[in-house]
Amino acid sequence: MMKPEDWANIESRRLDITTANDPKLIKCQCGNVMEINPGKVDYNMKDEKGVKLTKHAAEHFAQNRIRCGECAKNFCSNCVREPYHLGQTCEEASKFEKARKCRFCKEEIRGPPPNMIPAFKDVCRKADCIELMNKSCDKTLPCGHYCKGFKGETECLGCLEPECIEKYNK
């Protein structure tokens, strides 16, 4: 006799096959299957920073952005990146994901760092970020990450990087 979890596995595999064979269907990480219905393009739409989307990014959003009706996750039907990469195409989002980013503003770093101290190699040249750099601790923690404290501290706090928090809190 089959157990309930066996039926669930069969149903899940059936849904995977169904969604793989029908380009109009997509399955969320929560298991909910939805039909992909492109929305109306809003050429006046803005990103999180208030910058108007390019024509191409607005069209990509209308075609590919999905919000799951079950878990409310917001993802891309094309590359399945979650959350949806607003203001970027899948290719731009992938490139940005791999790029060096400023430790303060999280924007892509395009030039040399403003300071050669290792703790500040990932700082951009915007005035606000340089001001923050000048107020920040330049020490390296035992785990290899940089301290996120203030300049002149006599003792650094523990590492605030997610993998170190998880590792050292166990």
Protein backbone atom coordinates (compact mmCIF):
# COMPACT_ATOMS: atom_id res chain seq x y z
CA MET A 1 0.00 0.00 0.00
CA MET A 2 1.32 3.45 -0.90
CA LYS A 3 2.02 6.00 1.80
CA PRO A 4 0.75 9.61 1.55
CA GLU A 5 4.32 10.89 1.00
CA ASP A 6 4.68 8.48 -1.97
CA TRP A 7 1.56 9.98 -3.55
CA ALA A 8 2.96 13.48 -2.90
CA ASN A 9 6.22 12.52 -4.65
CA ILE A 10 4.33 11.09 -7.65
CA GLU A 11 2.17 14.23 -7.86
CA SER A 12 5.25 16.46 -7.61
CA ARG A 13 7.01 14.55 -10.42
CA ARG A 14 3.85 14.73 -12.55
CA LEU A 15 3.73 18.51 -12.06
CA ASP A 16 7.43 18.80 -12.95
CA ILE A 17 6.82 16.90 -16.20
CA THR A 18 3.71 18.96 -16.95
CA THR A 19 5.47 22.29 -16.40
CA ALA A 20 8.52 21.13 -18.39
CA ASN A 21 6.31 20.27 -21.37
CA ASP A 22 4.11 23.37 -21.26
CA PRO A 23 5.94 26.71 -21.63
CA LYS A 24 2.85 28.53 -20.32
CA LEU A 25 3.16 26.87 -16.89
CA ILE A 26 5.71 27.49 -14.15
CA LYS A 27 6.20 25.89 -10.76
CA CYS A 28 7.17 27.98 -7.74
CA GLN A 29 9.62 26.71 -5.10
CA CYS A 30 6.61 26.20 -2.80
CA GLY A 31 5.13 23.74 -5.34
CA ASN A 32 2.34 25.98 -6.64
CA VAL A 33 1.88 25.72 -10.42
CA MET A 34 0.81 28.87 -12.24
CA GLU A 35 0.03 29.89 -15.78
CA ILE A 36 2.33 32.57 -17.19
CA ASN A 37 0.22 35.52 -18.34
CA PRO A 38 2.25 38.50 -19.59
CA GLY A 39 1.10 41.80 -18.13
CA LYS A 40 0.66 45.22 -19.70
CA VAL A 41 3.95 47.09 -20.21
CA ASP A 42 4.27 50.20 -18.02
CA TYR A 43 6.94 52.39 -19.62
CA ASN A 44 6.77 54.81 -16.66
CA MET A 45 7.66 52.16 -14.09
CA LYS A 46 10.57 52.88 -11.70
CA ASP A 47 13.00 50.65 -9.84
CA GLU A 48 13.66 50.60 -6.06
CA LYS A 49 15.82 53.74 -6.36
CA GLY A 50 13.18 55.70 -8.24
CA VAL A 51 14.97 55.42 -11.60
CA LYS A 52 12.70 54.94 -14.63
CA LEU A 53 13.14 51.52 -16.23
CA THR A 54 14.56 51.26 -19.73
CA LYS A 55 12.11 50.23 -22.45
CA HIS A 56 13.71 46.78 -22.59
CA ALA A 57 13.59 46.31 -18.77
CA ALA A 58 9.92 47.38 -18.61
CA GLU A 59 9.03 44.88 -21.35
CA HIS A 60 11.03 42.14 -19.59
CA PHE A 61 9.13 42.85 -16.36
CA ALA A 62 5.73 42.60 -18.09
CA GLN A 63 6.71 39.34 -19.80
CA ASN A 64 8.59 37.52 -17.03
CA ARG A 65 7.79 38.73 -13.52
CA ILE A 66 5.72 36.21 -11.53
CA ARG A 67 4.19 36.57 -8.05
CA CYS A 68 3.14 33.25 -6.54
CA GLY A 69 -0.45 33.21 -5.33
CA GLU A 70 0.40 30.75 -2.55
CA CYS A 71 3.64 32.02 -0.95
CA ALA A 72 3.80 35.53 -2.55
CA LYS A 73 7.38 34.99 -3.81
CA ASN A 74 8.28 37.40 -6.58
CA PHE A 75 10.49 35.75 -9.24
CA CYS A 76 11.48 35.71 -12.91
CA SER A 77 9.79 33.08 -15.10
CA ASN A 78 12.77 33.13 -17.46
CA CYS A 79 15.79 32.64 -15.15
CA VAL A 80 13.82 31.76 -11.96
CA ARG A 81 15.85 34.30 -9.96
CA GLU A 82 14.09 35.28 -6.73
CA PRO A 83 13.36 38.04 -6.00
CA TYR A 84 12.66 39.34 -9.50
CA HIS A 85 15.55 41.47 -10.82
CA LEU A 86 13.65 44.75 -11.32
CA GLY A 87 15.30 47.10 -13.80
CA GLN A 88 17.55 44.39 -15.23
CA THR A 89 17.23 41.69 -17.85
CA CYS A 90 18.29 38.16 -16.86
CA GLU A 91 21.68 38.69 -18.50
CA GLU A 92 22.24 42.01 -16.71
CA ALA A 93 21.20 40.47 -13.38
CA SER A 94 23.60 37.57 -13.88
CA LYS A 95 26.47 39.94 -14.72
CA PHE A 96 25.66 42.12 -11.69
CA GLU A 97 25.49 39.07 -9.42
CA LYS A 98 29.07 38.12 -10.38
CA ALA A 99 30.49 41.67 -10.26
CA ARG A 100 32.48 43.23 -7.42
CA LYS A 101 30.15 45.41 -5.33
CA CYS A 102 30.76 48.29 -2.94
CA ARG A 103 30.55 47.13 0.67
CA PHE A 104 28.50 50.23 1.54
CA CYS A 105 26.10 50.99 -1.34
CA LYS A 106 26.14 47.50 -2.95
CA GLU A 107 26.52 48.97 -6.45
CA GLU A 108 28.96 47.53 -8.98
CA ILE A 109 32.53 48.79 -8.66
CA ARG A 110 33.83 49.95 -12.03
CA GLY A 111 37.20 51.48 -11.16
CA PRO A 112 40.12 51.08 -8.78
CA PRO A 113 39.45 51.34 -5.02
CA PRO A 114 39.96 54.72 -3.31
CA ASN A 115 42.25 53.10 -0.71
CA MET A 116 44.74 50.22 -0.94
CA ILE A 117 44.03 48.85 2.56
CA PRO A 118 42.58 45.34 1.99
CA ALA A 119 39.43 46.07 4.05
CA PHE A 120 38.57 48.86 1.61
CA LYS A 121 39.27 47.15 -1.74
CA ASP A 122 35.50 46.79 -2.22
CA VAL A 123 34.57 50.45 -1.87
CA CYS A 124 33.40 52.60 -4.78
CA ARG A 125 34.37 56.23 -5.34
CA LYS A 126 31.05 57.86 -4.38
CA ALA A 127 31.47 60.59 -1.77
CA ASP A 128 29.09 58.94 0.72
CA CYS A 129 30.94 55.62 0.49
CA ILE A 130 34.36 57.26 0.90
CA GLU A 131 33.03 59.10 3.96
CA LEU A 132 31.82 55.79 5.43
CA MET A 133 35.18 54.17 4.60
CA ASN A 134 37.00 56.92 6.51
CA LYS A 135 34.85 56.17 9.59
CA SER A 136 35.16 52.38 9.36
CA CYS A 137 37.45 49.85 11.01
CA ASP A 138 40.16 48.51 8.69
CA LYS A 139 40.90 45.29 10.62
CA THR A 140 40.55 41.75 9.26
CA LEU A 141 38.77 39.28 11.54
CA PRO A 142 40.13 35.74 12.23
CA CYS A 143 37.58 34.29 9.77
CA GLY A 144 39.07 36.42 6.96
CA HIS A 145 36.17 38.88 6.64
CA TYR A 146 36.57 42.56 7.39
CA CYS A 147 35.30 44.19 10.57
CA LYS A 148 32.12 46.19 10.07
CA GLY A 149 32.77 48.38 13.10
CA PHE A 150 34.08 51.90 13.57
CA LYS A 151 37.58 53.28 13.06
CA GLY A 152 39.63 53.33 16.25
CA GLU A 153 37.84 50.50 18.04
CA THR A 154 40.05 48.65 20.49
CA GLU A 155 38.03 45.44 20.16
CA CYS A 156 36.07 44.24 17.13
CA LEU A 157 32.69 42.56 17.36
CA GLY A 158 32.18 39.10 15.86
CA CYS A 159 31.76 38.64 12.14
CA LEU A 160 28.44 39.77 10.67
CA GLU A 161 28.65 37.76 7.44
CA PRO A 162 25.74 35.28 7.17
CA GLU A 163 27.94 32.18 6.79
CA CYS A 164 29.97 33.11 9.90
CA ILE A 165 26.88 33.92 11.96
CA GLU A 166 25.46 30.50 11.06
CA LYS A 167 28.78 28.70 11.68
CA TYR A 168 29.65 30.31 15.02
CA ASN A 169 26.13 30.38 16.48
CA LYS A 170 25.79 26.58 16.36
